[in-house]
């Protein structure tokens, strides 16, 4: 009687130990992933900060650079709307082709 109870208790203990070890490895993996994300966000923040500083420098310089800045801004807006239009057309073609396909009988 005591032997079987001790055996069941040992099995439950080993099962709990394996779960705890799996939780530890998951926590380590997630910690490593979060560290990598933190590094990525730090580098992106630095990149965006440097870009903003360059834009400020460009806007504070002479009249010819302001003209270039205006052209670049207009070009970015036009490119955005062009891509929006193209993606919209592709999405409508994909949904139209999927709705044209016959549905299988039930």
PDB file of N, CA and C in Angstrom:
ATOM      1  N   UNK A   1       0.827  -1.192   0.000  1.00  0.00           N
ATOM      2  CA  UNK A   1       0.000   0.000   0.000  1.00  0.00           C
ATOM      3  C   UNK A   1       0.867   1.251   0.000  1.00  0.00           C
ATOM      4  N   UNK A   2       1.797   1.346   0.961  1.00  0.00           N
ATOM      5  CA  UNK A   2       2.676   2.517   1.033  1.00  0.00           C
ATOM      6  C   UNK A   2       3.593   2.606  -0.184  1.00  0.00           C
ATOM      7  N   UNK A   3       3.975   1.452  -0.708  1.00  0.00           N
ATOM      8  CA  UNK A   3       4.862   1.431  -1.868  1.00  0.00           C
ATOM      9  C   UNK A   3       4.150   2.002  -3.094  1.00  0.00           C
ATOM     10  N   UNK A   4       2.900   1.640  -3.275  1.00  0.00           N
ATOM     11  CA  UNK A   4       2.160   2.143  -4.438  1.00  0.00           C
ATOM     12  C   UNK A   4       1.903   3.641  -4.306  1.00  0.00           C
ATOM     13  N   UNK A   5       1.604   4.114  -3.105  1.00  0.00           N
ATOM     14  CA  UNK A   5       1.403   5.550  -2.884  1.00  0.00           C
ATOM     15  C   UNK A   5       2.703   6.307  -3.130  1.00  0.00           C
ATOM     16  N   UNK A   6       3.806   5.753  -2.650  1.00  0.00           N
ATOM     17  CA  UNK A   6       5.114   6.387  -2.866  1.00  0.00           C
ATOM     18  C   UNK A   6       5.454   6.403  -4.350  1.00  0.00           C
ATOM     19  N   UNK A   7       5.118   5.317  -5.051  1.00  0.00           N
ATOM     20  CA  UNK A   7       5.382   5.251  -6.488  1.00  0.00           C
ATOM     21  C   UNK A   7       4.551   6.288  -7.246  1.00  0.00           C
ATOM     22  N   UNK A   8       3.257   6.423  -6.921  1.00  0.00           N
ATOM     23  CA  UNK A   8       2.411   7.437  -7.559  1.00  0.00           C
ATOM     24  C   UNK A   8       2.903   8.847  -7.249  1.00  0.00           C
ATOM     25  N   UNK A   9       3.315   9.059  -6.005  1.00  0.00           N
ATOM     26  CA  UNK A   9       3.840  10.370  -5.615  1.00  0.00           C
ATOM     27  C   UNK A   9       5.126  10.686  -6.374  1.00  0.00           C
ATOM     28  N   UNK A  10       5.975   9.685  -6.566  1.00  0.00           N
ATOM     29  CA  UNK A  10       7.213   9.886  -7.323  1.00  0.00           C
ATOM     30  C   UNK A  10       6.902  10.213  -8.784  1.00  0.00           C
ATOM     31  N   UNK A  11       5.900   9.531  -9.355  1.00  0.00           N
ATOM     32  CA  UNK A  11       5.502   9.814 -10.740  1.00  0.00           C
ATOM     33  C   UNK A  11       4.963  11.231 -10.878  1.00  0.00           C
ATOM     34  N   UNK A  12       4.112  11.646  -9.947  1.00  0.00           N
ATOM     35  CA  UNK A  12       3.569  13.004  -9.989  1.00  0.00           C
ATOM     36  C   UNK A  12       4.670  14.039  -9.817  1.00  0.00           C
ATOM     37  N   UNK A  13       5.621  13.750  -8.929  1.00  0.00           N
ATOM     38  CA  UNK A  13       6.730  14.669  -8.702  1.00  0.00           C
ATOM     39  C   UNK A  13       7.593  14.803  -9.953  1.00  0.00           C
ATOM     40  N   UNK A  14       7.886  13.688 -10.597  1.00  0.00           N
ATOM     41  CA  UNK A  14       8.705  13.755 -11.815  1.00  0.00           C
ATOM     42  C   UNK A  14       7.952  14.474 -12.931  1.00  0.00           C
ATOM     43  N   UNK A  15       6.627  14.288 -12.999  1.00  0.00           N
ATOM     44  CA  UNK A  15       5.821  14.991 -14.001  1.00  0.00           C
ATOM     45  C   UNK A  15       5.847  16.497 -13.753  1.00  0.00           C
ATOM     46  N   UNK A  16       5.677  16.891 -12.500  1.00  0.00           N
ATOM     47  CA  UNK A  16       5.738  18.313 -12.162  1.00  0.00           C
ATOM     48  C   UNK A  16       7.121  18.901 -12.442  1.00  0.00           C
ATOM     49  N   UNK A  17       8.163  18.103 -12.200  1.00  0.00           N
ATOM     50  CA  UNK A  17       9.528  18.573 -12.472  1.00  0.00           C
ATOM     51  C   UNK A  17       9.719  18.792 -13.971  1.00  0.00           C
ATOM     52  N   UNK A  18       9.187  17.872 -14.789  1.00  0.00           N
ATOM     53  CA  UNK A  18       9.344  18.034 -16.239  1.00  0.00           C
ATOM     54  C   UNK A  18       8.575  19.270 -16.723  1.00  0.00           C
ATOM     55  N   UNK A  19       7.399  19.521 -16.153  1.00  0.00           N
ATOM     56  CA  UNK A  19       6.642  20.723 -16.518  1.00  0.00           C
ATOM     57  C   UNK A  19       7.410  21.974 -16.116  1.00  0.00           C
ATOM     58  N   UNK A  20       7.999  21.963 -14.920  1.00  0.00           N
ATOM     59  CA  UNK A  20       8.764  23.123 -14.462  1.00  0.00           C
ATOM     60  C   UNK A  20       9.972  23.374 -15.368  1.00  0.00           C
ATOM     61  N   UNK A  21      10.638  22.304 -15.806  1.00  0.00           N
ATOM     62  CA  UNK A  21      11.787  22.464 -16.699  1.00  0.00           C
ATOM     63  C   UNK A  21      11.347  23.006 -18.070  1.00  0.00           C
ATOM     64  N   UNK A  22      10.203  22.546 -18.570  1.00  0.00           N
ATOM     65  CA  UNK A  22       9.686  23.071 -19.830  1.00  0.00           C
ATOM     66  C   UNK A  22       9.321  24.544 -19.699  1.00  0.00           C
ATOM     67  N   UNK A  23       8.728  24.911 -18.570  1.00  0.00           N
ATOM     68  CA  UNK A  23       8.387  26.318 -18.337  1.00  0.00           C
ATOM     69  C   UNK A  23       9.648  27.169 -18.277  1.00  0.00           C
ATOM     70  N   UNK A  24      10.695  26.640 -17.670  1.00  0.00           N
ATOM     71  CA  UNK A  24      11.951  27.390 -17.591  1.00  0.00           C
ATOM     72  C   UNK A  24      12.538  27.607 -18.971  1.00  0.00           C
ATOM     73  N   UNK A  25      12.528  26.571 -19.802  1.00  0.00           N
ATOM     74  CA  UNK A  25      13.091  26.727 -21.149  1.00  0.00           C
ATOM     75  C   UNK A  25      12.237  27.694 -21.982  1.00  0.00           C
ATOM     76  N   UNK A  26      10.911  27.637 -21.828  1.00  0.00           N
ATOM     77  CA  UNK A  26      10.042  28.594 -22.526  1.00  0.00           C
ATOM     78  C   UNK A  26      10.323  30.021 -22.076  1.00  0.00           C
ATOM     79  N   UNK A  27      10.485  30.203 -20.775  1.00  0.00           N
ATOM     80  CA  UNK A  27      10.757  31.544 -20.248  1.00  0.00           C
ATOM     81  C   UNK A  27      12.087  32.068 -20.785  1.00  0.00           C
ATOM     82  N   UNK A  28      13.095  31.207 -20.861  1.00  0.00           N
ATOM     83  CA  UNK A  28      14.395  31.632 -21.402  1.00  0.00           C
ATOM     84  C   UNK A  28      14.277  32.007 -22.877  1.00  0.00           C
ATOM     85  N   UNK A  29      13.511  31.209 -23.641  1.00  0.00           N
ATOM     86  CA  UNK A  29      13.320  31.515 -25.055  1.00  0.00           C
ATOM     87  C   UNK A  29      12.599  32.848 -25.239  1.00  0.00           C
ATOM     88  N   UNK A  30      11.563  33.065 -24.444  1.00  0.00           N
ATOM     89  CA  UNK A  30      10.826  34.328 -24.552  1.00  0.00           C
ATOM     90  C   UNK A  30      11.685  35.513 -24.113  1.00  0.00           C
ATOM     91  N   UNK A  31      12.503  35.305 -23.107  1.00  0.00           N
ATOM     92  CA  UNK A  31      13.384  36.379 -22.651  1.00  0.00           C
ATOM     93  C   UNK A  31      14.382  36.751 -23.752  1.00  0.00           C
ATOM     94  N   UNK A  32      14.922  35.741 -24.422  1.00  0.00           N
ATOM     95  CA  UNK A  32      15.859  35.989 -25.519  1.00  0.00           C
ATOM     96  C   UNK A  32      15.149  36.714 -26.663  1.00  0.00           C
ATOM     97  N   UNK A  33      13.919  36.293 -26.979  1.00  0.00           N
ATOM     98  CA  UNK A  33      13.146  36.942 -28.031  1.00  0.00           C
ATOM     99  C   UNK A  33      12.867  38.401 -27.683  1.00  0.00           C
ATOM    100  N   UNK A  34      12.504  38.668 -26.440  1.00  0.00           N
ATOM    101  CA  UNK A  34      12.243  40.044 -26.026  1.00  0.00           C
ATOM    102  C   UNK A  34      13.508  40.898 -26.064  1.00  0.00           C
ATOM    103  N   UNK A  35      14.641  40.318 -25.714  1.00  0.00           N
ATOM    104  CA  UNK A  35      15.903  41.053 -25.823  1.00  0.00           C
ATOM    105  C   UNK A  35      16.199  41.415 -27.276  1.00  0.00           C
ATOM    106  N   UNK A  36      15.963  40.464 -28.179  1.00  0.00           N
ATOM    107  CA  UNK A  36      16.184  40.746 -29.602  1.00  0.00           C
ATOM    108  C   UNK A  36      15.237  41.839 -30.098  1.00  0.00           C
ATOM    109  N   UNK A  37      13.982  41.789 -29.666  1.00  0.00           N
ATOM    110  CA  UNK A  37      13.036  42.837 -30.051  1.00  0.00           C
ATOM    111  C   UNK A  37      13.460  44.194 -29.507  1.00  0.00           C
ATOM    112  N   UNK A  38      13.942  44.209 -28.282  1.00  0.00           N
ATOM    113  CA  UNK A  38      14.398  45.460 -27.671  1.00  0.00           C
ATOM    114  C   UNK A  38      15.560  46.050 -28.466  1.00  0.00           C
ATOM    115  N   UNK A  39      16.502  45.190 -28.853  1.00  0.00           N
ATOM    116  CA  UNK A  39      17.625  45.666 -29.662  1.00  0.00           C
ATOM    117  C   UNK A  39      17.143  46.207 -31.009  1.00  0.00           C
ATOM    118  N   UNK A  40      16.174  45.507 -31.613  1.00  0.00           N
ATOM    119  CA  UNK A  40      15.641  45.964 -32.895  1.00  0.00           C
ATOM    120  C   UNK A  40      14.946  47.312 -32.778  1.00  0.00           C
ATOM    121  N   UNK A  41      14.159  47.487 -31.720  1.00  0.00           N
ATOM    122  CA  UNK A  41      13.484  48.772 -31.530  1.00  0.00           C
ATOM    123  C   UNK A  41      14.478  49.883 -31.226  1.00  0.00           C
ATOM    124  N   UNK A  42      15.528  49.572 -30.477  1.00  0.00           N
ATOM    125  CA  UNK A  42      16.549  50.590 -30.204  1.00  0.00           C
ATOM    126  C   UNK A  42      17.233  51.045 -31.484  1.00  0.00           C
ATOM    127  N   UNK A  43      17.581  50.092 -32.336  1.00  0.00           N
ATOM    128  CA  UNK A  43      18.257  50.471 -33.580  1.00  0.00           C
ATOM    129  C   UNK A  43      17.313  51.230 -34.504  1.00  0.00           C
ATOM    130  N   UNK A  44      16.033  50.843 -34.520  1.00  0.00           N
ATOM    131  CA  UNK A  44      15.066  51.559 -35.341  1.00  0.00           C
ATOM    132  C   UNK A  44      14.860  52.975 -34.826  1.00  0.00           C
ATOM    133  N   UNK A  45      14.814  53.126 -33.502  1.00  0.00           N
ATOM    134  CA  UNK A  45      14.679  54.460 -32.919  1.00  0.00           C
ATOM    135  C   UNK A  45      15.851  55.347 -33.274  1.00  0.00           C
ATOM    136  N   UNK A  46      17.057  54.783 -33.238  1.00  0.00           N
ATOM    137  CA  UNK A  46      18.236  55.551 -33.634  1.00  0.00           C
ATOM    138  C   UNK A  46      18.201  55.931 -35.095  1.00  0.00           C
ATOM    139  N   UNK A  47      17.756  55.007 -35.932  1.00  0.00           N
ATOM    140  CA  UNK A  47      17.659  55.277 -37.371  1.00  0.00           C
ATOM    141  C   UNK A  47      16.658  56.394 -37.636  1.00  0.00           C
ATOM    142  N   UNK A  48      15.491  56.323 -36.998  1.00  0.00           N
ATOM    143  CA  UNK A  48      14.480  57.360 -37.204  1.00  0.00           C
ATOM    144  C   UNK A  48      14.935  58.707 -36.648  1.00  0.00           C
ATOM    145  N   UNK A  49      15.645  58.686 -35.528  1.00  0.00           N
ATOM    146  CA  UNK A  49      16.172  59.928 -34.970  1.00  0.00           C
ATOM    147  C   UNK A  49      17.172  60.581 -35.902  1.00  0.00           C
ATOM    148  N   UNK A  50      18.060  59.775 -36.484  1.00  0.00           N
ATOM    149  CA  UNK A  50      19.035  60.316 -37.434  1.00  0.00           C
ATOM    150  C   UNK A  50      18.347  60.869 -38.683  1.00  0.00           C
ATOM    151  N   UNK A  51      17.323  60.172 -39.145  1.00  0.00           N
ATOM    152  CA  UNK A  51      16.585  60.655 -40.315  1.00  0.00           C
ATOM    153  C   UNK A  51      15.897  61.974 -40.021  1.00  0.00           C
ATOM    154  N   UNK A  52      15.287  62.088 -38.857  1.00  0.00           N
ATOM    155  CA  UNK A  52      14.634  63.338 -38.481  1.00  0.00           C
ATOM    156  C   UNK A  52      15.647  64.477 -38.364  1.00  0.00           C
ATOM    157  N   UNK A  53      16.814  64.188 -37.834  1.00  0.00           N
ATOM    158  CA  UNK A  53      17.850  65.219 -37.756  1.00  0.00           C
ATOM    159  C   UNK A  53      18.286  65.680 -39.141  1.00  0.00           C
ATOM    160  N   UNK A  54      18.373  64.743 -40.092  1.00  0.00           N
ATOM    161  CA  UNK A  54      18.735  65.121 -41.460  1.00  0.00           C
ATOM    162  C   UNK A  54      17.656  65.983 -42.102  1.00  0.00           C
ATOM    163  N   UNK A  55      16.390  65.650 -41.841  1.00  0.00           N
ATOM    164  CA  UNK A  55      15.300  66.447 -42.391  1.00  0.00           C
ATOM    165  C   UNK A  55      15.329  67.848 -41.797  1.00  0.00           C
ATOM    166  N   UNK A  56      15.563  67.962 -40.494  1.00  0.00           N
ATOM    167  CA  UNK A  56      15.657  69.276 -39.856  1.00  0.00           C
ATOM    168  C   UNK A  56      16.793  70.086 -40.459  1.00  0.00           C
ATOM    169  N   UNK A  57      17.929  69.439 -40.657  1.00  0.00           N
ATOM    170  CA  UNK A  57      19.084  70.121 -41.242  1.00  0.00           C
ATOM    171  C   UNK A  57      18.767  70.595 -42.653  1.00  0.00           C
ATOM    172  N   UNK A  58      18.046  69.774 -43.402  1.00  0.00           N
ATOM    173  CA  UNK A  58      17.704  70.139 -44.770  1.00  0.00           C
ATOM    174  C   UNK A  58      16.731  71.326 -44.793  1.00  0.00           C
ATOM    175  N   UNK A  59      15.765  71.329 -43.881  1.00  0.00           N
ATOM    176  CA  UNK A  59      14.794  72.423 -43.875  1.00  0.00           C
ATOM    177  C   UNK A  59      15.399  73.719 -43.353  1.00  0.00           C
ATOM    178  N   UNK A  60      16.427  73.635 -42.545  1.00  0.00           N
ATOM    179  CA  UNK A  60      17.040  74.849 -41.989  1.00  0.00           C
ATOM    180  C   UNK A  60      18.063  75.469 -42.924  1.00  0.00           C
ATOM    181  N   UNK A  61      18.441  74.744 -43.956  1.00  0.00           N
ATOM    182  CA  UNK A  61      19.445  75.296 -44.869  1.00  0.00           C
ATOM    183  C   UNK A  61      18.762  76.191 -45.909  1.00  0.00           C
ATOM    184  N   UNK A  62      19.487  76.569 -46.905  1.00  0.00           N
ATOM    185  CA  UNK A  62      19.043  77.591 -47.863  1.00  0.00           C
ATOM    186  C   UNK A  62      17.813  77.249 -48.678  1.00  0.00           C
ATOM    187  N   UNK A  63      17.428  78.197 -49.531  1.00  0.00           N
ATOM    188  CA  UNK A  63      16.210  78.125 -50.318  1.00  0.00           C
ATOM    189  C   UNK A  63      16.243  76.959 -51.306  1.00  0.00           C
ATOM    190  N   UNK A  64      17.355  76.650 -51.896  1.00  0.00           N
ATOM    191  CA  UNK A  64      17.418  75.577 -52.902  1.00  0.00           C
ATOM    192  C   UNK A  64      17.106  74.215 -52.264  1.00  0.00           C
ATOM    193  N   UNK A  65      17.531  74.016 -51.038  1.00  0.00           N
ATOM    194  CA  UNK A  65      17.222  72.753 -50.368  1.00  0.00           C
ATOM    195  C   UNK A  65      15.744  72.666 -50.008  1.00  0.00           C
ATOM    196  N   UNK A  66      15.103  73.790 -49.754  1.00  0.00           N
ATOM    197  CA  UNK A  66      13.669  73.773 -49.481  1.00  0.00           C
ATOM    198  C   UNK A  66      12.895  73.342 -50.726  1.00  0.00           C
ATOM    199  N   UNK A  67      13.375  73.770 -51.862  1.00  0.00           N
ATOM    200  CA  UNK A  67      12.740  73.383 -53.116  1.00  0.00           C
ATOM    201  C   UNK A  67      12.869  71.868 -53.314  1.00  0.00           C
ATOM    202  N   UNK A  68      14.046  71.346 -53.065  1.00  0.00           N
ATOM    203  CA  UNK A  68      14.264  69.900 -53.184  1.00  0.00           C
ATOM    204  C   UNK A  68      13.386  69.154 -52.180  1.00  0.00           C
ATOM    205  N   UNK A  69      13.288  69.684 -50.963  1.00  0.00           N
ATOM    206  CA  UNK A  69      12.460  69.067 -49.931  1.00  0.00           C
ATOM    207  C   UNK A  69      10.998  69.042 -50.356  1.00  0.00           C
ATOM    208  N   UNK A  70      10.531  70.084 -50.993  1.00  0.00           N
ATOM    209  CA  UNK A  70       9.156  70.137 -51.478  1.00  0.00           C
ATOM    210  C   UNK A  70       8.934  69.085 -52.557  1.00  0.00           C
ATOM    211  N   UNK A  71       9.869  68.953 -53.483  1.00  0.00           N
ATOM    212  CA  UNK A  71       9.751  67.953 -54.535  1.00  0.00           C
ATOM    213  C   UNK A  71       9.766  66.539 -53.962  1.00  0.00           C
ATOM    214  N   UNK A  72      10.620  66.319 -53.005  1.00  0.00           N
ATOM    215  CA  UNK A  72      10.693  64.988 -52.378  1.00  0.00           C
ATOM    216  C   UNK A  72       9.388  64.670 -51.654  1.00  0.00           C
ATOM    217  N   UNK A  73       8.844  65.642 -50.949  1.00  0.00           N
ATOM    218  CA  UNK A  73       7.580  65.430 -50.230  1.00  0.00           C
ATOM    219  C   UNK A  73       6.446  65.121 -51.198  1.00  0.00           C
ATOM    220  N   UNK A  74       6.369  65.879 -52.275  1.00  0.00           N
ATOM    221  CA  UNK A  74       5.333  65.635 -53.276  1.00  0.00           C
ATOM    222  C   UNK A  74       5.533  64.253 -53.910  1.00  0.00           C
ATOM    223  N   UNK A  75       6.771  63.886 -54.180  1.00  0.00           N
ATOM    224  CA  UNK A  75       7.060  62.566 -54.752  1.00  0.00           C
ATOM    225  C   UNK A  75       6.644  61.437 -53.827  1.00  0.00           C
ATOM    226  N   UNK A  76       6.869  61.594 -52.530  1.00  0.00           N
ATOM    227  CA  UNK A  76       6.479  60.558 -51.568  1.00  0.00           C
ATOM    228  C   UNK A  76       4.963  60.422 -51.527  1.00  0.00           C
ATOM    229  N   UNK A  77       4.244  61.534 -51.524  1.00  0.00           N
ATOM    230  CA  UNK A  77       2.777  61.488 -51.498  1.00  0.00           C
ATOM    231  C   UNK A  77       2.253  60.830 -52.767  1.00  0.00           C
ATOM    232  N   UNK A  78       2.782  61.187 -53.915  1.00  0.00           N
ATOM    233  CA  UNK A  78       2.349  60.596 -55.186  1.00  0.00           C
ATOM    234  C   UNK A  78       2.655  59.098 -55.200  1.00  0.00           C
ATOM    235  N   UNK A  79       3.825  58.712 -54.735  1.00  0.00           N
ATOM    236  CA  UNK A  79       4.186  57.290 -54.686  1.00  0.00           C
ATOM    237  C   UNK A  79       3.245  56.524 -53.762  1.00  0.00           C
ATOM    238  N   UNK A  80       2.882  57.112 -52.630  1.00  0.00           N
ATOM    239  CA  UNK A  80       1.959  56.463 -51.699  1.00  0.00           C
ATOM    240  C   UNK A  80       0.610  56.217 -52.362  1.00  0.00           C
ATOM    241  N   UNK A  81       0.056  57.230 -53.020  1.00  0.00           N
ATOM    242  CA  UNK A  81      -1.242  57.065 -53.671  1.00  0.00           C
ATOM    243  C   UNK A  81      -1.167  56.086 -54.847  1.00  0.00           C
ATOM    244  N   UNK A  82      -0.056  56.080 -55.557  1.00  0.00           N
ATOM    245  CA  UNK A  82       0.121  55.134 -56.652  1.00  0.00           C
ATOM    246  C   UNK A  82       0.119  53.704 -56.127  1.00  0.00           C
ATOM    247  N   UNK A  83       0.887  53.453 -55.064  1.00  0.00           N
ATOM    248  CA  UNK A  83       0.914  52.111 -54.476  1.00  0.00           C
ATOM    249  C   UNK A  83      -0.447  51.720 -53.912  1.00  0.00           C
ATOM    250  N   UNK A  84      -1.138  52.665 -53.311  1.00  0.00           N
ATOM    251  CA  UNK A  84      -2.474  52.407 -52.776  1.00  0.00           C
ATOM    252  C   UNK A  84      -3.416  51.986 -53.905  1.00  0.00           C
ATOM    253  N   UNK A  85      -3.346  52.686 -55.029  1.00  0.00           N
ATOM    254  CA  UNK A  85      -4.180  52.377 -56.177  1.00  0.00           C
ATOM    255  C   UNK A  85      -3.850  50.990 -56.731  1.00  0.00           C
ATOM    256  N   UNK A  86      -2.571  50.685 -56.902  1.00  0.00           N
ATOM    257  CA  UNK A  86      -2.144  49.392 -57.452  1.00  0.00           C
ATOM    258  C   UNK A  86      -2.559  48.258 -56.526  1.00  0.00           C
ATOM    259  N   UNK A  87      -2.338  48.405 -55.237  1.00  0.00           N
ATOM    260  CA  UNK A  87      -2.706  47.347 -54.289  1.00  0.00           C
ATOM    261  C   UNK A  87      -4.218  47.164 -54.267  1.00  0.00           C
ATOM    262  N   UNK A  88      -4.960  48.246 -54.356  1.00  0.00           N
ATOM    263  CA  UNK A  88      -6.420  48.147 -54.421  1.00  0.00           C
ATOM    264  C   UNK A  88      -6.896  47.388 -55.648  1.00  0.00           C
ATOM    265  N   UNK A  89      -6.276  47.663 -56.791  1.00  0.00           N
ATOM    266  CA  UNK A  89      -6.637  46.956 -58.021  1.00  0.00           C
ATOM    267  C   UNK A  89      -6.313  45.468 -57.905  1.00  0.00           C
ATOM    268  N   UNK A  90      -5.147  45.135 -57.365  1.00  0.00           N
ATOM    269  CA  UNK A  90      -4.771  43.731 -57.213  1.00  0.00           C
ATOM    270  C   UNK A  90      -5.704  43.012 -56.249  1.00  0.00           C
ATOM    271  N   UNK A  91      -6.065  43.680 -55.158  1.00  0.00           N
ATOM    272  CA  UNK A  91      -6.960  43.065 -54.183  1.00  0.00           C
ATOM    273  C   UNK A  91      -8.335  42.825 -54.787  1.00  0.00           C
ATOM    274  N   UNK A  92      -8.828  43.774 -55.587  1.00  0.00           N
ATOM    275  CA  UNK A  92     -10.143  43.591 -56.205  1.00  0.00           C
ATOM    276  C   UNK A  92     -10.110  42.465 -57.233  1.00  0.00           C
ATOM    277  N   UNK A  93      -9.000  42.320 -57.956  1.00  0.00           N
ATOM    278  CA  UNK A  93      -8.886  41.220 -58.914  1.00  0.00           C
ATOM    279  C   UNK A  93      -8.855  39.878 -58.188  1.00  0.00           C
ATOM    280  N   UNK A  94      -8.153  39.811 -57.065  1.00  0.00           N
ATOM    281  CA  UNK A  94      -8.077  38.554 -56.321  1.00  0.00           C
ATOM    282  C   UNK A  94      -9.438  38.171 -55.752  1.00  0.00           C
ATOM    283  N   UNK A  95     -10.172  39.125 -55.206  1.00  0.00           N
ATOM    284  CA  UNK A  95     -11.485  38.805 -54.654  1.00  0.00           C
ATOM    285  C   UNK A  95     -12.472  38.475 -55.766  1.00  0.00           C
ATOM    286  N   UNK A  96     -12.352  39.128 -56.920  1.00  0.00           N
ATOM    287  CA  UNK A  96     -13.238  38.831 -58.044  1.00  0.00           C
ATOM    288  C   UNK A  96     -12.968  37.434 -58.593  1.00  0.00           C
ATOM    289  N   UNK A  97     -11.700  37.050 -58.677  1.00  0.00           N
ATOM    290  CA  UNK A  97     -11.374  35.718 -59.199  1.00  0.00           C
ATOM    291  C   UNK A  97     -11.770  34.627 -58.218  1.00  0.00           C
ATOM    292  N   UNK A  98     -11.712  34.896 -56.938  1.00  0.00           N
ATOM    293  CA  UNK A  98     -12.116  33.877 -55.970  1.00  0.00           C
ATOM    294  C   UNK A  98     -13.628  33.750 -55.901  1.00  0.00           C
ATOM    295  N   UNK A  99     -14.376  34.836 -56.179  1.00  0.00           N
ATOM    296  CA  UNK A  99     -15.834  34.755 -56.167  1.00  0.00           C
ATOM    297  C   UNK A  99     -16.364  34.160 -57.463  1.00  0.00           C
ATOM    298  N   UNK A 100     -15.588  34.203 -58.557  1.00  0.00           N
ATOM    299  CA  UNK A 100     -16.004  33.642 -59.818  1.00  0.00           C
ATOM    300  C   UNK A 100     -15.890  32.118 -59.847  1.00  0.00           C
ATOM    301  N   UNK A 101     -15.051  31.570 -58.990  1.00  0.00           N
ATOM    302  CA  UNK A 101     -14.864  30.129 -58.980  1.00  0.00           C
ATOM    303  C   UNK A 101     -16.120  29.449 -58.453  1.00  0.00           C
ATOM    304  N   UNK A 102     -16.544  28.375 -59.111  1.00  0.00           N
ATOM    305  CA  UNK A 102     -17.778  27.702 -58.680  1.00  0.00           C
ATOM    306  C   UNK A 102     -17.573  27.040 -57.320  1.00  0.00           C
ATOM    307  N   UNK A 103     -18.620  27.060 -56.535  1.00  0.00           N
ATOM    308  CA  UNK A 103     -18.557  26.419 -55.232  1.00  0.00           C
ATOM    309  C   UNK A 103     -18.933  24.960 -55.392  1.00  0.00           C
ATOM    310  N   UNK A 104     -18.239  24.078 -54.705  1.00  0.00           N
ATOM    311  CA  UNK A 104     -18.530  22.652 -54.844  1.00  0.00           C
ATOM    312  C   UNK A 104     -19.891  22.331 -54.204  1.00  0.00           C
ATOM    313  N   UNK A 105     -20.623  21.402 -54.780  1.00  0.00           N
ATOM    314  CA  UNK A 105     -21.926  21.037 -54.216  1.00  0.00           C
ATOM    315  C   UNK A 105     -21.741  20.356 -52.866  1.00  0.00           C
ATOM    316  N   UNK A 106     -22.708  20.566 -52.005  1.00  0.00           N
ATOM    317  CA  UNK A 106     -22.649  19.964 -50.674  1.00  0.00           C
ATOM    318  C   UNK A 106     -23.268  18.612 -50.652  1.00  0.00           C
TER     319      UNK A 106
END
